[in-house]
Amino acid sequence: MKKFNMKNIAISSLIAVSTCFAAIGQANAAPQPDTHHLTQKQKNAIEAKQKAKHNAELKAKAKHKAESKHHSDLKSKQKAKHDAELRAKQKAKQKDAHHDSKTKHKDSKFEQDRKHG
């Protein structure tokens, strides 16, 4: 008799635990609104909300894309300006070096003429 009662208790407790877990699972599940019994006005309102949300997401994406493009354009302009400044400095250095070498060369010719002449 005790074995039979223990079996019944074990089975009933197993059923109770599984029922409890099933109820918890349903409580945590995402709510599924019943749209079958809604009026057309309510359906339109739900549809409008979804469309507005979708449009807001699209605008946010477009804005982010435009901002990132603007940022990259600024970055490339700054880099081009920096490169141009470097080239100008290098060109000026070359010009000065060339001018200095001409002056030295002229001086040396002048001194040579003076020595020989």
Protein backbone atom coordinates (compact mmCIF):
# COMPACT_ATOMS: atom_id res chain seq x y z
CA MET A 1 0.00 0.00 0.00
CA LYS A 2 2.83 2.40 0.88
CA LYS A 3 4.55 1.78 -2.48
CA PHE A 4 1.30 2.54 -4.30
CA ASN A 5 0.82 5.78 -2.36
CA MET A 6 4.43 6.79 -2.99
CA LYS A 7 3.95 6.20 -6.73
CA ASN A 8 0.82 8.36 -6.74
CA ILE A 9 2.58 11.12 -4.83
CA ALA A 10 5.58 11.04 -7.19
CA ILE A 11 3.36 11.09 -10.28
CA SER A 12 1.15 13.89 -8.99
CA SER A 13 4.17 15.98 -7.95
CA LEU A 14 5.71 15.45 -11.41
CA ILE A 15 2.49 16.59 -13.06
CA ALA A 16 2.31 19.61 -10.74
CA VAL A 17 5.92 20.62 -11.50
CA SER A 18 5.46 20.27 -15.28
CA THR A 19 2.23 22.29 -15.10
CA CYS A 20 4.03 24.99 -13.13
CA PHE A 21 6.82 25.19 -15.71
CA ALA A 22 4.30 25.36 -18.54
CA ALA A 23 2.52 28.26 -16.85
CA ILE A 24 5.82 30.09 -16.29
CA GLY A 25 6.76 29.56 -19.94
CA GLN A 26 3.49 31.07 -21.11
CA ALA A 27 3.86 34.03 -18.77
CA ASN A 28 7.33 34.82 -20.16
CA ALA A 29 6.29 34.45 -23.79
CA ALA A 30 5.85 37.57 -25.91
CA PRO A 31 2.27 38.80 -25.89
CA GLN A 32 0.33 38.01 -29.05
CA PRO A 33 -2.45 40.55 -29.40
CA ASP A 34 -5.70 39.13 -30.69
CA THR A 35 -6.30 41.17 -33.83
CA HIS A 36 -9.23 39.10 -35.04
CA HIS A 37 -11.77 40.84 -32.82
CA LEU A 38 -10.43 44.39 -33.19
CA THR A 39 -12.35 47.08 -34.98
CA GLN A 40 -11.01 48.49 -38.24
CA LYS A 41 -10.14 51.74 -36.46
CA GLN A 42 -7.99 49.87 -33.93
CA LYS A 43 -6.32 47.87 -36.70
CA ASN A 44 -5.54 51.09 -38.57
CA ALA A 45 -4.06 52.63 -35.41
CA ILE A 46 -1.80 49.61 -34.85
CA GLU A 47 -0.73 49.66 -38.50
CA ALA A 48 0.01 53.40 -38.34
CA LYS A 49 2.16 52.94 -35.22
CA GLN A 50 4.15 50.18 -36.91
CA LYS A 51 4.61 52.27 -40.05
CA ALA A 52 5.73 55.31 -38.02
CA LYS A 53 8.23 53.19 -36.11
CA HIS A 54 9.58 51.78 -39.39
CA ASN A 55 9.89 55.26 -40.92
CA ALA A 56 11.67 56.57 -37.83
CA GLU A 57 14.19 53.72 -38.09
CA LEU A 58 14.78 54.48 -41.77
CA LYS A 59 15.31 58.18 -41.03
CA ALA A 60 17.74 57.35 -38.23
CA LYS A 61 19.73 55.09 -40.56
CA ALA A 62 19.82 57.74 -43.28
CA LYS A 63 20.91 60.41 -40.81
CA HIS A 64 23.68 58.20 -39.45
CA LYS A 65 24.84 57.40 -42.97
CA ALA A 66 24.88 61.10 -43.93
CA GLU A 67 26.79 62.02 -40.77
CA SER A 68 29.39 59.33 -41.35
CA LYS A 69 29.78 60.42 -45.00
CA HIS A 70 30.18 64.05 -43.89
CA HIS A 71 32.75 62.98 -41.31
CA SER A 72 34.73 60.99 -43.86
CA ASP A 73 34.58 63.90 -46.33
CA LEU A 74 35.95 66.26 -43.69
CA LYS A 75 38.67 63.80 -42.84
CA SER A 76 39.71 63.43 -46.49
CA LYS A 77 39.70 67.23 -46.99
CA GLN A 78 41.91 67.69 -43.93
CA LYS A 79 44.28 65.00 -45.18
CA ALA A 80 44.46 66.59 -48.64
CA LYS A 81 45.15 70.01 -47.10
CA HIS A 82 47.87 68.55 -44.89
CA ASP A 83 49.45 66.76 -47.86
CA ALA A 84 49.39 69.96 -49.92
CA GLU A 85 51.10 71.87 -47.12
CA LEU A 86 53.79 69.20 -46.86
CA ARG A 87 54.38 69.29 -50.63
CA ALA A 88 54.62 73.09 -50.52
CA LYS A 89 57.17 72.93 -47.70
CA GLN A 90 59.22 70.32 -49.57
CA LYS A 91 59.11 72.39 -52.73
CA ALA A 92 60.24 75.49 -50.82
CA LYS A 93 63.11 73.53 -49.27
CA GLN A 94 64.18 72.28 -52.68
CA LYS A 95 63.99 75.80 -54.09
CA ASP A 96 66.10 77.16 -51.22
CA ALA A 97 68.61 74.35 -51.59
CA HIS A 98 68.85 74.94 -55.32
CA HIS A 99 69.22 78.67 -54.79
CA ASP A 100 71.91 78.09 -52.17
CA SER A 101 73.80 75.75 -54.44
CA LYS A 102 73.67 78.31 -57.29
CA THR A 103 74.96 81.01 -54.98
CA LYS A 104 77.79 78.79 -53.80
CA HIS A 105 78.60 77.90 -57.36
CA LYS A 106 78.65 81.55 -58.40
CA ASP A 107 80.79 82.44 -55.43
CA SER A 108 83.24 79.75 -56.26
CA LYS A 109 83.42 80.91 -59.91
CA PHE A 110 83.94 84.47 -58.77
CA GLU A 111 86.69 83.38 -56.44
CA GLN A 112 88.24 81.28 -59.16
CA ASP A 113 88.22 84.19 -61.58
CA ARG A 114 89.73 86.40 -58.94
CA LYS A 115 92.49 83.93 -58.27
CA HIS A 116 93.24 83.44 -61.95
CA GLY A 117 92.76 86.92 -63.04
